[in-house]
Amino acid sequence: MTIVGATRPPAWKWWITGLLLLATTINYMDRVTLANASVRVTQEFGLNEQQYGNLELAFGWAFAVGSLVFGFLADRLKVYWLYPCVLASWSLMGMISGWTQDYTGLLVCRTLLGFFEAGHWPCALKTTFALLSEKDRTMGNSVLQSGASIGAILTPQVMKLLMTEELGSWRSAFVVVGAVGLVWVVFWLVLLRPRDLEVPAAARDAGPKSALLDIVLSRRFWALALLITGTQMVWHMYRVWLMKFLQSGRGYSEGAALDFNSFYYISTDVGCFLAGCASLWLVRKRGLTAHHARRWVYAGACGLTSLSLCLPWLVKGWLLLGVLLIIGAGALAQFPCYYSFVQELSAHHVGRLTGLLSMWVWAVTSPLHRLFGWVADETGSYDTGLVIAGVAPWIGVVAMTLLWREPRGKMAA
């Protein structure tokens, strides 16, 4: 694809996609520092479990609000300037979290962290939309999303290294992890120019410009709202409850569960990357349209997460762990397909639609963790909740079949 106003080598757009991967990695590292230092933080500040839960709740609701705000700003302002401002802001909030002296200060920092972190996704999707052709976007979004797994893999090891008597307390870990984002800002400003992110005319004029309200009220939008609900359920339910399932549900030691958790996120990263590769293969080798390739890849990923149906009959052992790894691969493989579907909705409202859908799914799925806990208390098992989470993404397949009608010809605006 020719970049408007500039001559770039073909590989350049993939280097920038790699920079987006790094941004996602930083996003997740700043997000999970608190979880990795939760025991130390609660002990130092004298917090009870409800107060600690409030920190996560504040982050989640702020993320929902930030998704809406930055989704609209990404379509209004130049992403070249908005993106580094957003990333620098959440990095500073992460650093300041390490300097807080009381619970109130930490609560404010985590709230602002969630608000600014939400800006990453609309800005990143606007970037891949501008840089990549339609057939390459699922692969580009796979690279972008895989940073989530990398961040989840790296952070425990980084925190383990930094939270030592020689290097400092949990506070120094927060500061160091946050500072990495400021380095990213420098690379962004050096490697790109504003004209690099101008949307090519072919994509910009792909169809008539529809009003945002018309799109939100359309069947396509609600197909994606249902699709991301199922996708978010399987990803976050396993992220939050997997350790409890392994330790309390299957009798693994904390050390063994932590070690497996690292392998789990490696598997999710592999699944995310393979989703992009499979989409490219279906387009280039099998002749499918980019849209239909994404549908097949998403359905295949749903098949992998549906192995959760086997969990109630699996006891502690390698077979159980293998099934969990496959479920993890399928869980993250769904996200690049979803992001590409969002980019199909409209060439003019990518940021706004990303923000609206993100706000929707965070608001809808966050209370489900409370329901999951109630089911676990009632049944004495985590199996039921994880089974339901694993099959939930099929909601998206059904919704796309019933509600999404792909027009003949090019992508509609």
Protein backbone atom coordinates (compact mmCIF):
# COMPACT_ATOMS: atom_id res chain seq x y z
CA MET A 1 0.00 0.00 0.00
CA THR A 2 1.28 3.44 -0.82
CA ILE A 3 1.49 5.80 2.13
CA VAL A 4 0.01 9.19 1.36
CA GLY A 5 2.61 11.87 1.03
CA ALA A 6 5.63 9.69 1.73
CA THR A 7 7.76 6.95 0.20
CA ARG A 8 8.30 4.08 2.60
CA PRO A 9 9.73 0.60 2.07
CA PRO A 10 7.08 -2.16 2.16
CA ALA A 11 8.34 -3.54 5.48
CA TRP A 12 8.03 -0.17 7.22
CA LYS A 13 4.33 -0.59 8.02
CA TRP A 14 5.11 -3.85 9.84
CA TRP A 15 7.81 -2.15 11.90
CA ILE A 16 5.19 0.37 13.01
CA THR A 17 2.81 -2.49 13.76
CA GLY A 18 5.55 -3.88 15.98
CA LEU A 19 5.63 -0.53 17.74
CA LEU A 20 1.90 -0.94 18.40
CA LEU A 21 2.61 -4.38 19.86
CA LEU A 22 5.04 -2.72 22.26
CA ALA A 23 2.38 -0.16 23.21
CA THR A 24 -0.07 -2.96 24.07
CA THR A 25 2.65 -4.67 26.09
CA ILE A 26 3.27 -1.47 28.06
CA ASN A 27 -0.49 -1.01 28.51
CA TYR A 28 -0.84 -4.43 30.12
CA MET A 29 2.32 -4.11 32.19
CA ASP A 30 1.09 -0.89 33.78
CA ARG A 31 -2.32 -2.49 34.28
CA VAL A 32 -1.16 -5.63 36.12
CA THR A 33 1.58 -4.15 38.30
CA LEU A 34 -0.94 -3.70 41.10
CA ALA A 35 -2.12 -7.32 40.91
CA ASN A 36 1.46 -8.58 41.10
CA ALA A 37 2.20 -6.39 44.13
CA SER A 38 -1.25 -6.67 45.71
CA VAL A 39 -0.11 -8.40 48.91
CA ARG A 40 2.61 -5.84 49.60
CA VAL A 41 0.36 -2.89 48.80
CA THR A 42 -2.54 -4.06 50.96
CA GLN A 43 -0.19 -4.78 53.86
CA GLU A 44 1.60 -1.43 53.66
CA PHE A 45 -1.61 0.62 53.40
CA GLY A 46 -3.59 -1.62 55.77
CA LEU A 47 -6.34 -2.30 53.23
CA ASN A 48 -9.12 -4.84 53.51
CA GLU A 49 -10.25 -6.92 50.53
CA GLN A 50 -13.15 -4.60 49.76
CA GLN A 51 -10.83 -1.60 49.52
CA TYR A 52 -8.51 -3.53 47.24
CA GLY A 53 -11.51 -4.52 45.12
CA ASN A 54 -12.46 -0.87 44.88
CA LEU A 55 -9.13 -0.16 43.19
CA GLU A 56 -9.97 -2.62 40.41
CA LEU A 57 -13.56 -1.41 40.19
CA ALA A 58 -12.43 2.21 39.81
CA PHE A 59 -10.01 1.17 37.08
CA GLY A 60 -12.72 -0.70 35.17
CA TRP A 61 -15.35 2.02 35.26
CA ALA A 62 -12.77 4.67 34.36
CA PHE A 63 -11.70 2.48 31.43
CA ALA A 64 -15.29 2.42 30.21
CA VAL A 65 -15.55 6.22 30.37
CA GLY A 66 -12.14 6.66 28.75
CA SER A 67 -13.14 4.34 25.92
CA LEU A 68 -15.99 6.66 25.00
CA VAL A 69 -13.98 9.88 25.37
CA PHE A 70 -10.90 8.79 23.44
CA GLY A 71 -12.95 6.95 20.85
CA PHE A 72 -14.50 10.27 19.86
CA LEU A 73 -11.21 12.18 20.16
CA ALA A 74 -9.41 9.69 17.91
CA ASP A 75 -11.77 10.59 15.07
CA ARG A 76 -11.55 14.31 15.79
CA LEU A 77 -7.84 14.84 16.45
CA LYS A 78 -4.68 13.69 14.69
CA VAL A 79 -3.73 10.31 16.14
CA TYR A 80 -0.07 11.19 15.57
CA TRP A 81 -0.32 13.62 18.50
CA LEU A 82 -3.16 12.06 20.52
CA TYR A 83 -1.59 8.61 20.82
CA PRO A 84 1.70 9.66 22.46
CA CYS A 85 -0.19 12.03 24.78
CA VAL A 86 -2.44 9.19 25.92
CA LEU A 87 0.44 6.78 26.40
CA ALA A 88 2.57 9.32 28.27
CA SER A 89 -0.41 10.13 30.53
CA TRP A 90 -1.07 6.57 31.60
CA SER A 91 2.68 5.97 32.04
CA LEU A 92 2.89 8.97 34.37
CA MET A 93 -0.11 7.68 36.34
CA GLY A 94 1.69 4.35 36.71
CA MET A 95 4.81 6.07 37.97
CA ILE A 96 2.91 8.35 40.37
CA SER A 97 1.17 5.26 41.77
CA GLY A 98 4.56 4.25 43.12
CA TRP A 99 4.93 7.57 44.91
CA THR A 100 1.53 7.67 46.62
CA GLN A 101 1.48 7.67 50.41
CA ASP A 102 -2.11 6.67 51.16
CA TYR A 103 -5.09 4.74 49.86
CA THR A 104 -6.89 7.77 48.49
CA GLY A 105 -3.92 8.79 46.38
CA LEU A 106 -3.55 5.28 45.01
CA LEU A 107 -7.28 5.13 44.20
CA VAL A 108 -7.06 8.39 42.25
CA CYS A 109 -4.00 7.17 40.33
CA ARG A 110 -5.59 3.84 39.40
CA THR A 111 -8.75 5.63 38.26
CA LEU A 112 -6.78 7.96 35.99
CA LEU A 113 -4.65 5.05 34.80
CA GLY A 114 -7.78 3.23 33.61
CA PHE A 115 -9.13 6.36 31.96
CA PHE A 116 -5.98 7.04 29.92
CA GLU A 117 -5.24 3.38 29.14
CA ALA A 118 -8.59 3.18 27.35
CA GLY A 119 -7.23 5.57 24.72
CA HIS A 120 -4.77 2.97 23.46
CA TRP A 121 -7.28 0.89 21.51
CA PRO A 122 -9.03 3.54 19.38
CA CYS A 123 -5.66 5.15 18.61
CA ALA A 124 -4.04 1.82 17.72
CA LEU A 125 -6.93 0.74 15.48
CA LYS A 126 -6.92 4.09 13.72
CA THR A 127 -3.22 3.50 13.06
CA THR A 128 -3.60 0.00 11.59
CA PHE A 129 -6.56 1.26 9.54
CA ALA A 130 -4.37 3.96 8.00
CA LEU A 131 -1.27 1.83 7.47
CA LEU A 132 -2.60 -1.54 6.34
CA SER A 133 -4.75 -2.71 3.47
CA GLU A 134 -7.95 -4.57 4.30
CA LYS A 135 -6.46 -8.01 3.66
CA ASP A 136 -3.54 -7.28 6.01
CA ARG A 137 -5.49 -5.77 8.90
CA THR A 138 -6.36 -9.00 10.71
CA MET A 139 -2.69 -9.91 10.74
CA GLY A 140 -1.76 -6.41 11.89
CA ASN A 141 -4.38 -6.53 14.62
CA SER A 142 -3.03 -9.94 15.68
CA VAL A 143 0.41 -8.40 16.17
CA LEU A 144 -1.15 -5.47 18.03
CA GLN A 145 -3.22 -7.67 20.35
CA SER A 146 -0.40 -10.14 21.09
CA GLY A 147 1.24 -7.48 23.22
CA ALA A 148 -1.39 -8.25 25.88
CA SER A 149 0.04 -11.71 26.39
CA ILE A 150 3.61 -10.47 26.29
CA GLY A 151 2.82 -7.92 28.98
CA ALA A 152 1.14 -10.57 31.13
CA ILE A 153 4.17 -12.86 30.73
CA LEU A 154 6.84 -10.24 31.38
CA THR A 155 5.37 -8.31 34.28
CA PRO A 156 5.64 -10.99 37.00
CA GLN A 157 9.29 -11.56 36.14
CA VAL A 158 10.06 -7.84 36.02
CA MET A 159 8.29 -7.28 39.32
CA LYS A 160 10.09 -10.23 40.88
CA LEU A 161 13.40 -8.71 39.84
CA LEU A 162 12.59 -5.18 40.99
CA MET A 163 10.82 -5.96 44.25
CA THR A 164 14.00 -6.93 46.08
CA GLU A 165 15.76 -5.38 49.03
CA GLU A 166 18.68 -4.43 46.80
CA LEU A 167 16.61 -2.68 44.12
CA GLY A 168 13.74 -1.37 46.20
CA SER A 169 10.11 -2.03 47.13
CA TRP A 170 6.99 -2.35 45.02
CA ARG A 171 7.18 1.41 44.55
CA SER A 172 10.33 1.28 42.44
CA ALA A 173 8.74 -1.42 40.28
CA PHE A 174 5.77 0.85 39.52
CA VAL A 175 8.09 3.72 38.62
CA VAL A 176 10.34 1.68 36.34
CA VAL A 177 7.49 -0.03 34.48
CA GLY A 178 5.74 3.32 34.01
CA ALA A 179 8.89 4.99 32.71
CA VAL A 180 9.11 2.51 29.81
CA GLY A 181 6.12 4.22 28.22
CA LEU A 182 7.95 7.53 28.02
CA VAL A 183 10.67 5.83 25.96
CA TRP A 184 7.98 4.53 23.59
CA VAL A 185 6.79 8.10 22.99
CA VAL A 186 10.24 9.05 21.74
CA PHE A 187 10.30 6.17 19.25
CA TRP A 188 6.82 7.08 17.99
CA LEU A 189 7.75 10.71 17.31
CA VAL A 190 11.00 9.72 15.62
CA LEU A 191 9.65 6.94 13.38
CA LEU A 192 6.45 8.60 12.13
CA ARG A 193 5.25 11.88 10.71
CA PRO A 194 1.64 13.13 10.75
CA ARG A 195 1.22 12.50 7.03
CA ASP A 196 2.03 8.80 7.54
CA LEU A 197 -1.32 8.32 9.28
CA GLU A 198 -3.49 9.92 6.65
CA VAL A 199 -6.07 7.37 5.54
CA PRO A 200 -5.62 6.44 1.85
CA ALA A 201 -8.32 7.79 -0.44
CA ALA A 202 -9.43 4.27 -1.40
CA ALA A 203 -10.29 3.47 2.21
CA ARG A 204 -11.54 6.95 3.06
CA ASP A 205 -13.99 6.99 0.15
CA ALA A 206 -14.99 3.33 0.41
CA GLY A 207 -18.64 4.24 0.64
CA PRO A 208 -21.12 6.97 1.56
CA LYS A 209 -20.49 8.58 4.92
CA SER A 210 -23.16 7.32 7.29
CA ALA A 211 -24.22 9.17 10.42
CA LEU A 212 -22.80 7.67 13.62
CA LEU A 213 -26.26 7.23 15.11
CA ASP A 214 -27.38 5.28 12.04
CA ILE A 215 -24.45 2.90 12.47
CA VAL A 216 -25.05 2.47 16.20
CA LEU A 217 -28.69 1.60 15.53
CA SER A 218 -27.77 -0.81 12.75
CA ARG A 219 -27.88 -4.58 13.02
CA ARG A 220 -24.16 -4.77 12.23
CA PHE A 221 -23.20 -2.72 15.27
CA TRP A 222 -25.23 -4.92 17.60
CA ALA A 223 -23.82 -8.03 15.99
CA LEU A 224 -20.39 -6.82 17.10
CA ALA A 225 -21.70 -5.75 20.52
CA LEU A 226 -22.83 -9.34 21.11
CA LEU A 227 -19.67 -10.76 19.58
CA ILE A 228 -17.31 -8.78 21.84
CA THR A 229 -19.43 -9.67 24.87
CA GLY A 230 -18.73 -13.36 24.36
CA THR A 231 -15.10 -12.73 23.47
CA GLN A 232 -14.51 -10.58 26.52
CA MET A 233 -16.14 -13.16 28.78
CA VAL A 234 -13.81 -16.00 27.89
CA TRP A 235 -10.69 -13.83 28.00
CA HIS A 236 -11.31 -12.07 31.31
CA MET A 237 -13.00 -14.93 33.17
CA TYR A 238 -9.96 -17.13 32.60
CA ARG A 239 -7.60 -14.23 33.32
CA VAL A 240 -9.22 -13.55 36.69
CA TRP A 241 -10.21 -17.05 37.86
CA LEU A 242 -7.63 -19.41 36.37
CA MET A 243 -5.29 -19.27 39.37
CA LYS A 244 -8.13 -20.07 41.78
CA PHE A 245 -9.31 -22.90 39.54
CA LEU A 246 -5.85 -24.45 39.51
CA GLN A 247 -5.11 -24.05 43.21
CA SER A 248 -8.47 -24.39 44.95
CA GLY A 249 -10.23 -26.36 42.24
CA ARG A 250 -7.53 -28.85 41.24
CA GLY A 251 -5.03 -28.75 44.10
CA TYR A 252 -1.99 -27.25 42.39
CA SER A 253 0.54 -25.42 44.55
CA GLU A 254 0.91 -21.66 44.16
CA GLY A 255 4.32 -22.06 42.52
CA ALA A 256 3.06 -24.62 40.02
CA ALA A 257 0.03 -22.48 39.20
CA LEU A 258 2.21 -19.41 38.65
CA ASP A 259 4.52 -21.34 36.35
CA PHE A 260 1.59 -22.63 34.33
CA ASN A 261 0.12 -19.13 34.16
CA SER A 262 3.19 -18.00 32.21
CA PHE A 263 2.78 -20.89 29.76
CA TYR A 264 -0.92 -20.06 29.46
CA TYR A 265 -0.17 -16.55 28.25
CA ILE A 266 2.50 -17.81 25.88
CA SER A 267 -0.20 -20.03 24.39
CA THR A 268 -2.60 -17.09 24.06
CA ASP A 269 0.08 -15.17 22.19
CA VAL A 270 0.63 -18.08 19.79
CA GLY A 271 -3.11 -18.31 19.16
CA CYS A 272 -3.35 -14.60 18.45
CA PHE A 273 -0.47 -14.73 15.94
CA LEU A 274 -1.84 -17.84 14.23
CA ALA A 275 -5.22 -16.13 13.81
CA GLY A 276 -3.56 -13.47 11.68
CA CYS A 277 -1.62 -16.06 9.69
CA ALA A 278 -4.76 -18.14 9.09
CA SER A 279 -6.66 -15.10 7.86
CA LEU A 280 -3.90 -14.21 5.41
CA TRP A 281 -3.73 -17.81 4.16
CA LEU A 282 -7.48 -17.99 3.58
CA VAL A 283 -7.40 -14.75 1.58
CA ARG A 284 -4.26 -15.38 -0.47
CA LYS A 285 -4.37 -19.14 -0.94
CA ARG A 286 -8.06 -20.04 -0.75
CA GLY A 287 -9.48 -16.93 -2.39
CA LEU A 288 -11.85 -15.92 0.41
CA THR A 289 -12.74 -12.31 0.98
CA ALA A 290 -11.07 -10.71 3.98
CA HIS A 291 -14.42 -10.58 5.78
CA HIS A 292 -15.25 -14.26 5.28
CA ALA A 293 -11.72 -15.26 6.25
CA ARG A 294 -12.23 -13.47 9.57
CA ARG A 295 -15.53 -15.24 10.11
CA TRP A 296 -13.93 -18.65 9.62
CA VAL A 297 -10.99 -17.83 11.88
CA TYR A 298 -13.31 -16.53 14.60
CA ALA A 299 -15.49 -19.64 14.42
CA GLY A 300 -12.39 -21.84 14.62
CA ALA A 301 -11.25 -19.96 17.71
CA CYS A 302 -14.70 -20.52 19.26
CA GLY A 303 -14.23 -24.23 18.65
CA LEU A 304 -10.99 -24.13 20.65
CA THR A 305 -12.51 -22.32 23.64
CA SER A 306 -15.43 -24.76 23.60
CA LEU A 307 -13.07 -27.41 24.93
CA SER A 308 -14.07 -25.89 28.27
CA LEU A 309 -16.94 -28.40 28.12
CA CYS A 310 -14.39 -31.06 29.03
CA LEU A 311 -13.19 -29.36 32.23
CA PRO A 312 -15.65 -30.96 34.69
CA TRP A 313 -14.31 -34.40 33.75
CA LEU A 314 -10.61 -33.51 33.79
CA VAL A 315 -8.58 -34.05 36.94
CA LYS A 316 -5.17 -32.70 37.85
CA GLY A 317 -2.66 -33.69 35.19
CA TRP A 318 -1.16 -32.96 31.79
CA LEU A 319 -4.42 -33.46 29.89
CA LEU A 320 -6.12 -30.75 31.94
CA LEU A 321 -3.24 -28.33 31.42
CA GLY A 322 -3.13 -29.07 27.69
CA VAL A 323 -6.83 -28.31 27.30
CA LEU A 324 -6.38 -25.03 29.18
CA LEU A 325 -3.55 -24.03 26.85
CA ILE A 326 -5.74 -24.66 23.81
CA ILE A 327 -8.60 -22.66 25.35
CA GLY A 328 -6.19 -19.77 25.98
CA ALA A 329 -4.99 -19.84 22.36
CA GLY A 330 -8.57 -19.65 21.12
CA ALA A 331 -9.50 -16.88 23.54
CA LEU A 332 -6.98 -14.34 22.28
CA ALA A 333 -7.29 -15.46 18.64
CA GLN A 334 -10.79 -13.96 18.60
CA PHE A 335 -9.69 -10.38 19.26
CA PRO A 336 -7.91 -9.53 15.98
CA CYS A 337 -10.98 -10.75 14.09
CA TYR A 338 -13.19 -8.50 16.20
CA TYR A 339 -10.97 -5.45 15.67
CA SER A 340 -11.04 -6.00 11.92
CA PHE A 341 -14.83 -6.29 11.96
CA VAL A 342 -14.99 -2.94 13.75
CA GLN A 343 -12.81 -1.40 11.04
CA GLU A 344 -15.28 -2.72 8.47
CA LEU A 345 -18.22 -0.94 10.09
CA SER A 346 -17.15 2.51 8.93
CA ALA A 347 -14.12 4.17 7.40
CA HIS A 348 -15.14 7.44 9.05
CA HIS A 349 -15.93 6.46 12.65
CA VAL A 350 -13.30 3.85 13.58
CA GLY A 351 -12.32 5.59 16.80
CA ARG A 352 -15.87 6.37 17.94
CA LEU A 353 -17.13 2.85 17.26
CA THR A 354 -14.16 1.29 19.02
CA GLY A 355 -14.81 3.48 22.05
CA LEU A 356 -18.55 2.83 22.15
CA LEU A 357 -18.14 -0.94 21.89
CA SER A 358 -15.39 -0.94 24.51
CA MET A 359 -17.54 1.06 26.91
CA TRP A 360 -20.43 -1.33 26.30
CA VAL A 361 -18.46 -4.50 26.97
CA TRP A 362 -16.67 -3.26 30.09
CA ALA A 363 -19.96 -2.07 31.58
CA VAL A 364 -21.79 -5.32 30.75
CA THR A 365 -19.15 -7.92 31.63
CA SER A 366 -17.58 -6.43 34.77
CA PRO A 367 -20.52 -7.47 37.04
CA LEU A 368 -20.23 -11.05 35.74
CA HIS A 369 -17.23 -11.65 38.00
CA ARG A 370 -19.53 -11.21 40.99
CA LEU A 371 -21.96 -13.71 39.45
CA PHE A 372 -19.09 -16.12 38.78
CA GLY A 373 -18.09 -15.91 42.44
CA TRP A 374 -21.68 -16.58 43.56
CA VAL A 375 -21.87 -19.68 41.34
CA ALA A 376 -18.54 -20.89 42.74
CA ASP A 377 -19.80 -20.39 46.30
CA GLU A 378 -23.06 -22.21 45.58
CA THR A 379 -21.54 -25.16 43.72
CA GLY A 380 -18.20 -25.36 45.49
CA SER A 381 -16.53 -25.48 42.07
CA TYR A 382 -15.13 -23.13 39.43
CA ASP A 383 -15.97 -25.54 36.61
CA THR A 384 -19.45 -24.24 35.76
CA GLY A 385 -18.33 -20.64 35.31
CA LEU A 386 -15.35 -21.57 33.14
CA VAL A 387 -17.49 -23.88 30.99
CA ILE A 388 -20.01 -21.09 30.34
CA ALA A 389 -17.22 -18.61 29.59
CA GLY A 390 -15.66 -21.02 27.09
CA VAL A 391 -18.83 -21.45 25.01
CA ALA A 392 -19.96 -17.80 25.33
CA PRO A 393 -18.10 -16.66 22.14
CA TRP A 394 -20.55 -18.66 20.01
CA ILE A 395 -22.95 -15.79 20.75
CA GLY A 396 -20.83 -13.83 18.28
CA VAL A 397 -21.06 -16.47 15.56
CA VAL A 398 -24.84 -16.57 15.85
CA ALA A 399 -25.09 -12.77 15.96
CA MET A 400 -22.94 -12.36 12.86
CA THR A 401 -24.99 -14.95 10.99
CA LEU A 402 -28.33 -13.35 11.86
CA LEU A 403 -27.47 -9.65 11.96
CA TRP A 404 -24.50 -8.98 9.68
CA ARG A 405 -25.28 -8.85 6.00
CA GLU A 406 -22.16 -8.17 3.95
CA PRO A 407 -22.98 -5.95 0.98
CA ARG A 408 -21.85 -6.94 -2.45
CA GLY A 409 -18.80 -5.01 -3.52
CA LYS A 410 -16.63 -2.88 -1.30
CA MET A 411 -16.88 -2.22 2.41
CA ALA A 412 -19.75 0.06 3.35
CA ALA A 413 -19.08 3.26 5.23
